[in-house]
Each structure stands twice: as structure tokens, then as C-alpha cells.
Amino acid sequence: MKKKIALIILLQLAAAGLYAQTTRIPDFPDTGEDITTYPAVEWLKGGPITALDPGKTYIIELWATWCVPCIAAMPHISEMNEKFKDKGIVFVAQDALEYDREKVVNFVKTKAELANLNVAFAGPQNSDFELRWIKAAGINSIPQTFIIQGNKLLWQTTPYMLNEKVLQLLVDHKFTIEAAKALNGIKQ
């Protein structure tokens, strides 16, 4: 009996090792490094975005239907989108860390704040988005915001760090993390 249990445990460990080898997690770019493509996702509104335009700025906002702080930030993100969408800033409300497509689709239908945003569903567990962004960037909590400009990752932050002055820095191509933090009252 002990030999059977040992054999079962050995087989489970071998299977886990094979699984880990087949789901290699790529490195996520550091601040200042290139991001030229968007992972494969299902676009529920707007999009599709596959190749990032180097002439645009992208605000990628990660959220989920169960995330209370994410939902609380949606009106703010929607307001920023309305004010800056004609200034070369593309906002993406990217669902993350949940796998129930129907729940996400129904949620999006009921949220007026998402009406004018690009909205994407990440997909099933170990989807392209989950592997290339969530796991690669070490994300284990949301909301999270990625700012990409000129195909470079400028900042990984939260939606609460975005305000009109910070977005104007992006429009004027004068953005630095230090300047954004200063505009939010964070001293270095």
C-alpha cells in the first residue's frame, strides 16, 4: 500500500513538472522597456488592439467584477477617458483574474461607466493575457494600471494615481514617475 501511495505521489509530481514546463511565463518588461503588442483577448467593446501604435498613449486598467476598488475607480477612469480620448490617449478596461465570461459580459452591459471604453475579457485560466501580463508582471491584486507611451512601459501603478495633471504630462510628453507622484502629493 505504501508503495502505491509513493508511486501516485511521484506521478503527480512528474505531471506537475511537465505542466510547469509547458506554461513558461515570459518576462514582463521593466519600466522604460518596449511593449509593442497587446496579448490575445476577447474585445467586448471597442478594439481590437493587437499592435500598439507608437504615436499613442495607452492606459490599461485591470479590473474584475468582484473587485470593489476596481468598480469604485470606473467612474474616474470613464471621466478621464472622456477628457483625453481626443488627445492620443487610449483607455482599455481590461478584465483580469476571473474566468466566467458570461458574468463579465453581463457586468459590462450594466455599467454605464464602461460604455465609452475599450473593454476586453482576458479569457480562461492561463490565457495569453494572464501568462504575458498578469503572471509575468507578478500581479496578485487589482486594480492595477499600466501606462504605455511610445511603445514603452512608463509606469505600473493604480488608477488612483491618474488625474488630469498626470494625463496632461503624458499629452505634453513630459511624464516622469517622479512628476506624477509629486502631482499626487507623494514626496520622494
N, C-alpha and C. Protein backbone atom coordinates (compact mmCIF):
# COMPACT_ATOMS: atom_id res chain seq x y z
N MET A 1 0.82 -1.20 0.00
CA MET A 1 0.00 0.00 0.00
C MET A 1 0.87 1.26 0.00
N LYS A 2 1.94 1.26 0.82
CA LYS A 2 2.82 2.42 0.88
C LYS A 2 3.50 2.66 -0.47
N LYS A 3 3.82 1.56 -1.18
CA LYS A 3 4.46 1.70 -2.49
C LYS A 3 3.49 2.35 -3.49
N LYS A 4 2.22 1.98 -3.41
CA LYS A 4 1.23 2.58 -4.31
C LYS A 4 1.08 4.07 -4.05
N ILE A 5 1.03 4.45 -2.79
CA ILE A 5 0.91 5.86 -2.44
C ILE A 5 2.14 6.62 -2.91
N ALA A 6 3.32 6.05 -2.68
CA ALA A 6 4.55 6.70 -3.12
C ALA A 6 4.57 6.84 -4.64
N LEU A 7 4.10 5.82 -5.35
CA LEU A 7 4.06 5.88 -6.81
C LEU A 7 3.08 6.96 -7.29
N ILE A 8 1.94 7.07 -6.65
CA ILE A 8 0.95 8.09 -7.01
C ILE A 8 1.53 9.49 -6.78
N ILE A 9 2.18 9.69 -5.66
CA ILE A 9 2.79 10.99 -5.37
C ILE A 9 3.86 11.30 -6.39
N LEU A 10 4.68 10.32 -6.73
CA LEU A 10 5.73 10.53 -7.72
C LEU A 10 5.14 10.91 -9.08
N LEU A 11 4.08 10.24 -9.49
CA LEU A 11 3.43 10.55 -10.75
C LEU A 11 2.82 11.96 -10.74
N GLN A 12 2.23 12.35 -9.62
CA GLN A 12 1.66 13.69 -9.52
C GLN A 12 2.75 14.75 -9.61
N LEU A 13 3.88 14.53 -8.97
CA LEU A 13 4.98 15.47 -9.05
C LEU A 13 5.54 15.57 -10.46
N ALA A 14 5.63 14.43 -11.14
CA ALA A 14 6.11 14.44 -12.53
C ALA A 14 5.14 15.20 -13.42
N ALA A 15 3.84 14.98 -13.23
CA ALA A 15 2.84 15.68 -14.04
C ALA A 15 2.90 17.18 -13.78
N ALA A 16 3.07 17.57 -12.53
CA ALA A 16 3.17 19.00 -12.20
C ALA A 16 4.41 19.61 -12.85
N GLY A 17 5.51 18.88 -12.86
CA GLY A 17 6.72 19.36 -13.50
C GLY A 17 6.55 19.53 -15.00
N LEU A 18 5.87 18.60 -15.64
CA LEU A 18 5.61 18.72 -17.07
C LEU A 18 4.70 19.91 -17.36
N TYR A 19 3.68 20.10 -16.53
CA TYR A 19 2.77 21.23 -16.72
C TYR A 19 3.53 22.54 -16.59
N ALA A 20 4.39 22.64 -15.58
CA ALA A 20 5.16 23.86 -15.37
C ALA A 20 6.06 24.16 -16.56
N GLN A 21 6.59 23.12 -17.17
CA GLN A 21 7.46 23.32 -18.33
C GLN A 21 6.68 23.79 -19.55
N THR A 22 5.44 23.39 -19.68
CA THR A 22 4.67 23.76 -20.87
C THR A 22 4.01 25.12 -20.74
N THR A 23 3.94 25.70 -19.54
CA THR A 23 3.34 27.01 -19.35
C THR A 23 4.39 28.01 -18.88
N ARG A 24 5.44 28.15 -19.64
CA ARG A 24 6.51 29.09 -19.32
C ARG A 24 5.95 30.51 -19.25
N ILE A 25 6.29 31.20 -18.21
CA ILE A 25 5.84 32.58 -18.03
C ILE A 25 6.94 33.49 -18.57
N PRO A 26 6.62 34.31 -19.55
CA PRO A 26 7.64 35.20 -20.11
C PRO A 26 7.98 36.32 -19.13
N ASP A 27 9.08 36.99 -19.39
CA ASP A 27 9.45 38.15 -18.58
C ASP A 27 8.58 39.33 -18.98
N PHE A 28 8.16 40.09 -17.99
CA PHE A 28 7.40 41.30 -18.28
C PHE A 28 8.38 42.46 -18.38
N PRO A 29 8.14 43.37 -19.30
CA PRO A 29 9.07 44.50 -19.45
C PRO A 29 9.17 45.34 -18.17
N ASP A 30 10.36 45.82 -17.93
CA ASP A 30 10.58 46.77 -16.85
C ASP A 30 10.23 48.16 -17.35
N THR A 31 10.10 49.10 -16.45
CA THR A 31 9.83 50.49 -16.83
C THR A 31 10.88 50.94 -17.84
N GLY A 32 10.39 51.52 -18.95
CA GLY A 32 11.26 52.00 -19.99
C GLY A 32 11.52 51.00 -21.11
N GLU A 33 11.10 49.76 -20.91
CA GLU A 33 11.30 48.74 -21.93
C GLU A 33 10.11 48.68 -22.88
N ASP A 34 10.34 48.07 -24.04
CA ASP A 34 9.34 48.02 -25.11
C ASP A 34 8.16 47.11 -24.81
N ILE A 35 6.98 47.59 -25.20
CA ILE A 35 5.77 46.79 -25.30
C ILE A 35 5.16 47.19 -26.64
N THR A 36 5.16 46.28 -27.59
CA THR A 36 4.70 46.62 -28.94
C THR A 36 3.41 45.91 -29.33
N THR A 37 3.06 44.86 -28.60
CA THR A 37 1.84 44.12 -28.93
C THR A 37 0.97 43.96 -27.69
N TYR A 38 -0.31 43.78 -27.96
CA TYR A 38 -1.26 43.52 -26.88
C TYR A 38 -1.59 42.03 -26.93
N PRO A 39 -1.68 41.38 -25.80
CA PRO A 39 -1.98 39.95 -25.79
C PRO A 39 -3.34 39.65 -26.42
N ALA A 40 -3.53 38.40 -26.79
CA ALA A 40 -4.82 37.96 -27.35
C ALA A 40 -5.87 38.01 -26.24
N VAL A 41 -6.93 38.75 -26.49
CA VAL A 41 -8.06 38.88 -25.57
C VAL A 41 -9.34 38.89 -26.40
N GLU A 42 -10.46 38.82 -25.73
CA GLU A 42 -11.75 38.97 -26.42
C GLU A 42 -12.24 40.39 -26.17
N TRP A 43 -12.42 41.14 -27.24
CA TRP A 43 -12.87 42.52 -27.11
C TRP A 43 -14.38 42.56 -27.00
N LEU A 44 -14.87 43.04 -25.86
CA LEU A 44 -16.31 43.13 -25.62
C LEU A 44 -16.86 44.47 -26.09
N LYS A 45 -16.04 45.50 -26.07
CA LYS A 45 -16.38 46.83 -26.58
C LYS A 45 -15.11 47.42 -27.17
N GLY A 46 -15.26 48.15 -28.27
CA GLY A 46 -14.10 48.79 -28.87
C GLY A 46 -13.12 47.78 -29.42
N GLY A 47 -11.84 48.21 -29.49
CA GLY A 47 -10.80 47.32 -30.00
C GLY A 47 -11.09 46.91 -31.43
N PRO A 48 -10.49 45.91 -31.95
CA PRO A 48 -9.42 45.17 -31.29
C PRO A 48 -8.10 45.93 -31.35
N ILE A 49 -7.32 45.75 -30.32
CA ILE A 49 -5.97 46.29 -30.29
C ILE A 49 -5.03 45.09 -30.26
N THR A 50 -4.17 45.00 -31.23
CA THR A 50 -3.18 43.92 -31.26
C THR A 50 -1.77 44.48 -31.26
N ALA A 51 -1.50 45.39 -32.18
CA ALA A 51 -0.21 46.08 -32.21
C ALA A 51 -0.41 47.47 -31.62
N LEU A 52 0.45 47.84 -30.69
CA LEU A 52 0.34 49.15 -30.07
C LEU A 52 0.95 50.20 -31.00
N ASP A 53 0.22 51.27 -31.19
CA ASP A 53 0.65 52.38 -32.05
C ASP A 53 1.66 53.23 -31.27
N PRO A 54 2.88 53.38 -31.76
CA PRO A 54 3.88 54.16 -31.01
C PRO A 54 3.51 55.63 -30.88
N GLY A 55 2.56 56.12 -31.66
CA GLY A 55 2.14 57.50 -31.58
C GLY A 55 1.04 57.74 -30.55
N LYS A 56 0.60 56.69 -29.90
CA LYS A 56 -0.48 56.82 -28.91
C LYS A 56 0.00 56.44 -27.52
N THR A 57 -0.75 56.90 -26.55
CA THR A 57 -0.53 56.53 -25.15
C THR A 57 -1.66 55.59 -24.75
N TYR A 58 -1.32 54.53 -24.06
CA TYR A 58 -2.31 53.55 -23.62
C TYR A 58 -2.36 53.51 -22.10
N ILE A 59 -3.58 53.60 -21.58
CA ILE A 59 -3.85 53.41 -20.16
C ILE A 59 -4.60 52.09 -20.07
N ILE A 60 -3.95 51.07 -19.54
CA ILE A 60 -4.55 49.75 -19.41
C ILE A 60 -4.95 49.57 -17.96
N GLU A 61 -6.25 49.51 -17.73
CA GLU A 61 -6.79 49.42 -16.37
C GLU A 61 -7.28 48.00 -16.12
N LEU A 62 -6.68 47.30 -15.17
CA LEU A 62 -7.09 45.94 -14.83
C LEU A 62 -8.18 45.98 -13.76
N TRP A 63 -9.24 45.19 -13.99
CA TRP A 63 -10.38 45.18 -13.09
C TRP A 63 -11.03 43.80 -13.11
N ALA A 64 -11.97 43.59 -12.21
CA ALA A 64 -12.77 42.36 -12.18
C ALA A 64 -14.13 42.70 -11.58
N THR A 65 -15.11 41.86 -11.87
CA THR A 65 -16.47 42.10 -11.39
C THR A 65 -16.56 42.01 -9.86
N TRP A 66 -15.67 41.25 -9.24
CA TRP A 66 -15.70 41.05 -7.80
C TRP A 66 -14.84 42.07 -7.04
N CYS A 67 -14.13 42.94 -7.76
CA CYS A 67 -13.16 43.86 -7.16
C CYS A 67 -13.83 45.19 -6.82
N VAL A 68 -14.14 45.41 -5.57
CA VAL A 68 -14.83 46.63 -5.13
C VAL A 68 -14.01 47.89 -5.45
N PRO A 69 -12.69 47.93 -5.17
CA PRO A 69 -11.93 49.13 -5.53
C PRO A 69 -11.89 49.37 -7.04
N CYS A 70 -11.89 48.30 -7.83
CA CYS A 70 -11.91 48.45 -9.30
C CYS A 70 -13.21 49.12 -9.75
N ILE A 71 -14.31 48.65 -9.21
CA ILE A 71 -15.62 49.19 -9.58
C ILE A 71 -15.72 50.65 -9.13
N ALA A 72 -15.17 50.93 -7.94
CA ALA A 72 -15.19 52.30 -7.44
C ALA A 72 -14.37 53.24 -8.33
N ALA A 73 -13.33 52.73 -8.99
CA ALA A 73 -12.48 53.56 -9.85
C ALA A 73 -13.07 53.76 -11.25
N MET A 74 -14.07 52.99 -11.63
CA MET A 74 -14.60 53.06 -13.00
C MET A 74 -15.13 54.43 -13.40
N PRO A 75 -15.89 55.12 -12.55
CA PRO A 75 -16.34 56.46 -12.96
C PRO A 75 -15.17 57.42 -13.22
N HIS A 76 -14.14 57.31 -12.41
CA HIS A 76 -12.96 58.16 -12.57
C HIS A 76 -12.26 57.87 -13.90
N ILE A 77 -12.08 56.60 -14.23
CA ILE A 77 -11.43 56.20 -15.49
C ILE A 77 -12.28 56.65 -16.67
N SER A 78 -13.59 56.49 -16.56
CA SER A 78 -14.50 56.91 -17.62
C SER A 78 -14.42 58.42 -17.85
N GLU A 79 -14.36 59.18 -16.77
CA GLU A 79 -14.25 60.64 -16.86
C GLU A 79 -12.92 61.05 -17.53
N MET A 80 -11.84 60.38 -17.13
CA MET A 80 -10.53 60.68 -17.74
C MET A 80 -10.54 60.33 -19.23
N ASN A 81 -11.20 59.23 -19.57
CA ASN A 81 -11.31 58.83 -20.97
C ASN A 81 -12.03 59.92 -21.77
N GLU A 82 -13.14 60.42 -21.26
CA GLU A 82 -13.89 61.45 -21.97
C GLU A 82 -13.06 62.71 -22.19
N LYS A 83 -12.26 63.07 -21.22
CA LYS A 83 -11.46 64.30 -21.32
C LYS A 83 -10.23 64.15 -22.20
N PHE A 84 -9.70 62.93 -22.34
CA PHE A 84 -8.41 62.77 -23.02
C PHE A 84 -8.43 61.85 -24.23
N LYS A 85 -9.57 61.29 -24.59
CA LYS A 85 -9.61 60.36 -25.72
C LYS A 85 -9.24 61.01 -27.05
N ASP A 86 -9.46 62.31 -27.19
CA ASP A 86 -9.13 63.02 -28.43
C ASP A 86 -7.72 63.62 -28.38
N LYS A 87 -6.96 63.25 -27.37
CA LYS A 87 -5.60 63.77 -27.22
C LYS A 87 -4.55 62.66 -27.34
N GLY A 88 -4.94 61.56 -28.02
CA GLY A 88 -3.98 60.47 -28.26
C GLY A 88 -3.86 59.47 -27.14
N ILE A 89 -4.79 59.50 -26.18
CA ILE A 89 -4.74 58.53 -25.09
C ILE A 89 -5.87 57.52 -25.29
N VAL A 90 -5.49 56.24 -25.30
CA VAL A 90 -6.43 55.14 -25.47
C VAL A 90 -6.58 54.43 -24.13
N PHE A 91 -7.80 54.39 -23.64
CA PHE A 91 -8.08 53.71 -22.38
C PHE A 91 -8.62 52.31 -22.66
N VAL A 92 -8.11 51.33 -21.92
CA VAL A 92 -8.59 49.96 -22.04
C VAL A 92 -8.98 49.47 -20.65
N ALA A 93 -10.23 49.07 -20.50
CA ALA A 93 -10.70 48.44 -19.27
C ALA A 93 -10.53 46.94 -19.48
N GLN A 94 -9.46 46.39 -18.91
CA GLN A 94 -9.08 45.00 -19.14
C GLN A 94 -9.49 44.14 -17.95
N ASP A 95 -10.50 43.30 -18.16
CA ASP A 95 -10.91 42.36 -17.13
C ASP A 95 -9.74 41.41 -16.86
N ALA A 96 -9.54 41.08 -15.60
CA ALA A 96 -8.42 40.21 -15.23
C ALA A 96 -8.77 39.40 -13.98
N LEU A 97 -8.08 38.30 -13.82
CA LEU A 97 -8.18 37.46 -12.63
C LEU A 97 -9.57 36.88 -12.38
N GLU A 98 -10.32 36.68 -13.45
CA GLU A 98 -11.58 35.93 -13.35
C GLU A 98 -11.84 35.27 -14.70
N TYR A 99 -12.61 34.19 -14.66
CA TYR A 99 -12.70 33.35 -15.86
C TYR A 99 -14.13 33.10 -16.34
N ASP A 100 -15.11 33.70 -15.69
CA ASP A 100 -16.51 33.49 -16.06
C ASP A 100 -16.93 34.55 -17.09
N ARG A 101 -16.83 34.20 -18.37
CA ARG A 101 -17.10 35.14 -19.45
C ARG A 101 -18.51 35.72 -19.35
N GLU A 102 -19.50 34.87 -19.10
CA GLU A 102 -20.90 35.33 -19.05
C GLU A 102 -21.09 36.37 -17.95
N LYS A 103 -20.48 36.15 -16.81
CA LYS A 103 -20.57 37.10 -15.70
C LYS A 103 -19.96 38.45 -16.11
N VAL A 104 -18.83 38.41 -16.80
CA VAL A 104 -18.17 39.64 -17.23
C VAL A 104 -19.02 40.37 -18.27
N VAL A 105 -19.53 39.63 -19.25
CA VAL A 105 -20.36 40.24 -20.30
C VAL A 105 -21.59 40.91 -19.69
N ASN A 106 -22.26 40.23 -18.76
CA ASN A 106 -23.44 40.80 -18.11
C ASN A 106 -23.08 42.03 -17.28
N PHE A 107 -21.95 41.99 -16.62
CA PHE A 107 -21.50 43.13 -15.82
C PHE A 107 -21.26 44.34 -16.72
N VAL A 108 -20.57 44.13 -17.84
CA VAL A 108 -20.26 45.22 -18.77
C VAL A 108 -21.54 45.85 -19.30
N LYS A 109 -22.57 45.04 -19.55
CA LYS A 109 -23.84 45.56 -20.06
C LYS A 109 -24.52 46.49 -19.07
N THR A 110 -24.27 46.30 -17.77
CA THR A 110 -24.96 47.08 -16.75
C THR A 110 -24.18 48.30 -16.27
N LYS A 111 -22.94 48.44 -16.68
CA LYS A 111 -22.10 49.53 -16.19
C LYS A 111 -21.99 50.66 -17.21
N ALA A 112 -22.68 51.75 -16.96
CA ALA A 112 -22.63 52.90 -17.86
C ALA A 112 -21.22 53.46 -17.97
N GLU A 113 -20.42 53.32 -16.89
CA GLU A 113 -19.06 53.83 -16.89
C GLU A 113 -18.17 53.16 -17.95
N LEU A 114 -18.57 51.98 -18.39
CA LEU A 114 -17.78 51.24 -19.38
C LEU A 114 -18.25 51.49 -20.81
N ALA A 115 -19.32 52.25 -20.97
CA ALA A 115 -19.96 52.41 -22.29
C ALA A 115 -19.02 52.97 -23.35
N ASN A 116 -18.14 53.90 -23.00
CA ASN A 116 -17.28 54.55 -23.98
C ASN A 116 -15.83 54.10 -23.91
N LEU A 117 -15.58 53.01 -23.21
CA LEU A 117 -14.21 52.49 -23.08
C LEU A 117 -14.01 51.27 -23.97
N ASN A 118 -12.77 51.00 -24.33
CA ASN A 118 -12.42 49.71 -24.90
C ASN A 118 -12.45 48.73 -23.74
N VAL A 119 -13.19 47.64 -23.88
CA VAL A 119 -13.32 46.67 -22.79
C VAL A 119 -12.95 45.29 -23.32
N ALA A 120 -12.08 44.61 -22.58
CA ALA A 120 -11.61 43.30 -23.01
C ALA A 120 -11.74 42.27 -21.89
N PHE A 121 -12.08 41.05 -22.28
CA PHE A 121 -12.12 39.90 -21.38
C PHE A 121 -10.84 39.12 -21.60
N ALA A 122 -10.12 38.82 -20.53
CA ALA A 122 -8.81 38.16 -20.65
C ALA A 122 -8.91 36.74 -21.16
N GLY A 123 -9.97 36.05 -20.79
CA GLY A 123 -10.12 34.67 -21.24
C GLY A 123 -9.95 33.67 -20.11
N PRO A 124 -9.83 32.40 -20.46
CA PRO A 124 -9.75 31.35 -19.45
C PRO A 124 -8.42 31.38 -18.69
N GLN A 125 -8.34 30.56 -17.67
CA GLN A 125 -7.11 30.46 -16.90
C GLN A 125 -5.96 30.11 -17.84
N ASN A 126 -4.81 30.73 -17.60
CA ASN A 126 -3.61 30.58 -18.44
C ASN A 126 -3.80 31.09 -19.86
N SER A 127 -4.69 32.08 -20.01
CA SER A 127 -4.87 32.73 -21.31
C SER A 127 -3.60 33.50 -21.66
N ASP A 128 -3.55 33.96 -22.90
CA ASP A 128 -2.40 34.74 -23.34
C ASP A 128 -2.21 35.96 -22.44
N PHE A 129 -3.30 36.67 -22.12
CA PHE A 129 -3.19 37.85 -21.27
C PHE A 129 -2.69 37.47 -19.87
N GLU A 130 -3.25 36.41 -19.32
CA GLU A 130 -2.85 36.02 -17.97
C GLU A 130 -1.36 35.65 -17.91
N LEU A 131 -0.90 34.91 -18.91
CA LEU A 131 0.51 34.50 -18.90
C LEU A 131 1.45 35.66 -19.21
N ARG A 132 1.12 36.47 -20.21
CA ARG A 132 2.04 37.51 -20.67
C ARG A 132 2.00 38.79 -19.84
N TRP A 133 0.88 39.03 -19.12
CA TRP A 133 0.80 40.26 -18.32
C TRP A 133 0.61 39.97 -16.84
N ILE A 134 -0.44 39.26 -16.49
CA ILE A 134 -0.75 39.05 -15.06
C ILE A 134 0.39 38.31 -14.36
N LYS A 135 0.68 37.11 -14.80
CA LYS A 135 1.72 36.31 -14.15
C LYS A 135 3.10 36.90 -14.40
N ALA A 136 3.36 37.34 -15.63
CA ALA A 136 4.68 37.88 -15.95
C ALA A 136 5.00 39.13 -15.14
N ALA A 137 3.99 39.96 -14.89
CA ALA A 137 4.20 41.20 -14.13
C ALA A 137 4.10 40.97 -12.62
N GLY A 138 3.78 39.74 -12.22
CA GLY A 138 3.69 39.43 -10.79
C GLY A 138 2.48 40.05 -10.11
N ILE A 139 1.41 40.22 -10.87
CA ILE A 139 0.20 40.84 -10.32
C ILE A 139 -0.59 39.82 -9.51
N ASN A 140 -0.87 40.17 -8.27
CA ASN A 140 -1.71 39.31 -7.44
C ASN A 140 -2.84 40.10 -6.79
N SER A 141 -2.95 41.38 -7.16
CA SER A 141 -4.08 42.18 -6.69
C SER A 141 -4.39 43.24 -7.73
N ILE A 142 -5.64 43.65 -7.73
CA ILE A 142 -6.09 44.70 -8.63
C ILE A 142 -6.92 45.68 -7.81
N PRO A 143 -7.14 46.90 -8.28
CA PRO A 143 -6.85 47.42 -9.60
C PRO A 143 -5.36 47.70 -9.81
N GLN A 144 -4.95 47.57 -11.05
CA GLN A 144 -3.60 47.91 -11.49
C GLN A 144 -3.75 48.69 -12.79
N THR A 145 -2.85 49.62 -13.01
CA THR A 145 -2.87 50.44 -14.21
C THR A 145 -1.49 50.42 -14.85
N PHE A 146 -1.47 50.20 -16.15
CA PHE A 146 -0.23 50.27 -16.93
C PHE A 146 -0.33 51.48 -17.84
N ILE A 147 0.73 52.26 -17.87
CA ILE A 147 0.81 53.39 -18.78
C ILE A 147 1.90 53.08 -19.79
N ILE A 148 1.52 53.09 -21.06
CA ILE A 148 2.44 52.79 -22.16
C ILE A 148 2.41 53.98 -23.11
N GLN A 149 3.57 54.49 -23.44
CA GLN A 149 3.67 55.61 -24.39
C GLN A 149 4.90 55.38 -25.26
N GLY A 150 4.73 55.61 -26.57
CA GLY A 150 5.84 55.38 -27.47
C GLY A 150 6.33 53.95 -27.44
N ASN A 151 5.38 53.03 -27.19
CA ASN A 151 5.67 51.60 -27.08
C ASN A 151 6.65 51.28 -25.95
N LYS A 152 6.66 52.09 -24.92
CA LYS A 152 7.49 51.86 -23.73
C LYS A 152 6.59 51.84 -22.50
N LEU A 153 6.86 50.90 -21.61
CA LEU A 153 6.15 50.89 -20.34
C LEU A 153 6.69 52.05 -19.50
N LEU A 154 5.80 53.01 -19.21
CA LEU A 154 6.21 54.16 -18.41
C LEU A 154 6.01 53.93 -16.92
N TRP A 155 4.90 53.24 -16.59
CA TRP A 155 4.58 53.12 -15.16
C TRP A 155 3.55 52.03 -14.96
N GLN A 156 3.72 51.27 -13.89
CA GLN A 156 2.71 50.33 -13.41
C GLN A 156 2.28 50.87 -12.06
N THR A 157 1.00 51.25 -11.96
CA THR A 157 0.53 51.97 -10.78
C THR A 157 -0.91 51.56 -10.47
N THR A 158 -1.66 52.45 -9.86
CA THR A 158 -3.08 52.22 -9.60
C THR A 158 -3.88 53.35 -10.26
N PRO A 159 -5.18 53.14 -10.48
CA PRO A 159 -5.97 54.20 -11.11
C PRO A 159 -6.05 55.46 -10.27
N TYR A 160 -5.81 55.35 -8.98
CA TYR A 160 -5.91 56.50 -8.10
C TYR A 160 -4.76 57.48 -8.29
N MET A 161 -3.72 57.06 -8.99
CA MET A 161 -2.59 57.95 -9.28
C MET A 161 -2.80 58.74 -10.57
N LEU A 162 -3.88 58.46 -11.28
CA LEU A 162 -4.18 59.18 -12.52
C LEU A 162 -5.12 60.34 -12.23
N ASN A 163 -4.72 61.50 -12.70
CA ASN A 163 -5.59 62.67 -12.62
C ASN A 163 -5.32 63.50 -13.86
N GLU A 164 -6.05 64.58 -14.01
CA GLU A 164 -5.91 65.39 -15.23
C GLU A 164 -4.49 65.92 -15.41
N LYS A 165 -3.85 66.31 -14.33
CA LYS A 165 -2.49 66.85 -14.44
C LYS A 165 -1.49 65.78 -14.89
N VAL A 166 -1.64 64.58 -14.37
CA VAL A 166 -0.76 63.47 -14.77
C VAL A 166 -1.00 63.14 -16.24
N LEU A 167 -2.25 63.08 -16.65
CA LEU A 167 -2.55 62.77 -18.05
C LEU A 167 -2.07 63.90 -18.97
N GLN A 168 -2.10 65.13 -18.50
CA GLN A 168 -1.59 66.22 -19.31
C GLN A 168 -0.08 66.09 -19.50
N LEU A 169 0.62 65.61 -18.49
CA LEU A 169 2.05 65.33 -18.66
C LEU A 169 2.28 64.35 -19.80
N LEU A 170 1.41 63.34 -19.88
CA LEU A 170 1.52 62.37 -20.97
C LEU A 170 1.26 63.03 -22.32
N VAL A 171 0.23 63.85 -22.40
CA VAL A 171 -0.10 64.55 -23.65
C VAL A 171 1.06 65.43 -24.09
N ASP A 172 1.69 66.08 -23.12
CA ASP A 172 2.80 67.00 -23.41
C ASP A 172 4.15 66.28 -23.56
N HIS A 173 4.14 64.97 -23.39
CA HIS A 173 5.36 64.15 -23.45
C HIS A 173 6.40 64.63 -22.43
N LYS A 174 5.90 64.95 -21.24
CA LYS A 174 6.76 65.40 -20.14
C LYS A 174 6.62 64.49 -18.92
N PHE A 175 6.05 63.32 -19.11
CA PHE A 175 5.77 62.43 -18.00
C PHE A 175 7.04 61.84 -17.41
N THR A 176 7.11 61.86 -16.09
CA THR A 176 8.06 61.06 -15.32
C THR A 176 7.30 60.52 -14.11
N ILE A 177 7.75 59.42 -13.60
CA ILE A 177 7.10 58.85 -12.40
C ILE A 177 7.21 59.85 -11.24
N GLU A 178 8.36 60.47 -11.11
CA GLU A 178 8.57 61.42 -10.02
C GLU A 178 7.59 62.59 -10.12
N ALA A 179 7.38 63.12 -11.34
CA ALA A 179 6.45 64.22 -11.52
C ALA A 179 5.02 63.78 -11.20
N ALA A 180 4.65 62.58 -11.64
CA ALA A 180 3.31 62.06 -11.37
C ALA A 180 3.09 61.89 -9.87
N LYS A 181 4.07 61.35 -9.19
CA LYS A 181 3.95 61.18 -7.74
C LYS A 181 3.84 62.55 -7.05
N ALA A 182 4.64 63.51 -7.49
CA ALA A 182 4.59 64.85 -6.90
C ALA A 182 3.21 65.48 -7.08
N LEU A 183 2.61 65.27 -8.26
CA LEU A 183 1.27 65.80 -8.52
C LEU A 183 0.21 65.13 -7.64
N ASN A 184 0.55 63.98 -7.09
CA ASN A 184 -0.35 63.26 -6.20
C ASN A 184 0.03 63.44 -4.73
N GLY A 185 0.95 64.38 -4.47
CA GLY A 185 1.33 64.68 -3.09
C GLY A 185 2.26 63.67 -2.45
N ILE A 186 2.91 62.85 -3.26
CA ILE A 186 3.85 61.86 -2.72
C ILE A 186 5.25 62.43 -2.83
N LYS A 187 5.89 62.58 -1.69
CA LYS A 187 7.24 63.14 -1.67
C LYS A 187 8.26 62.01 -1.80
N GLN A 188 9.31 62.30 -2.54
CA GLN A 188 10.37 61.31 -2.77
C GLN A 188 11.28 61.18 -1.57
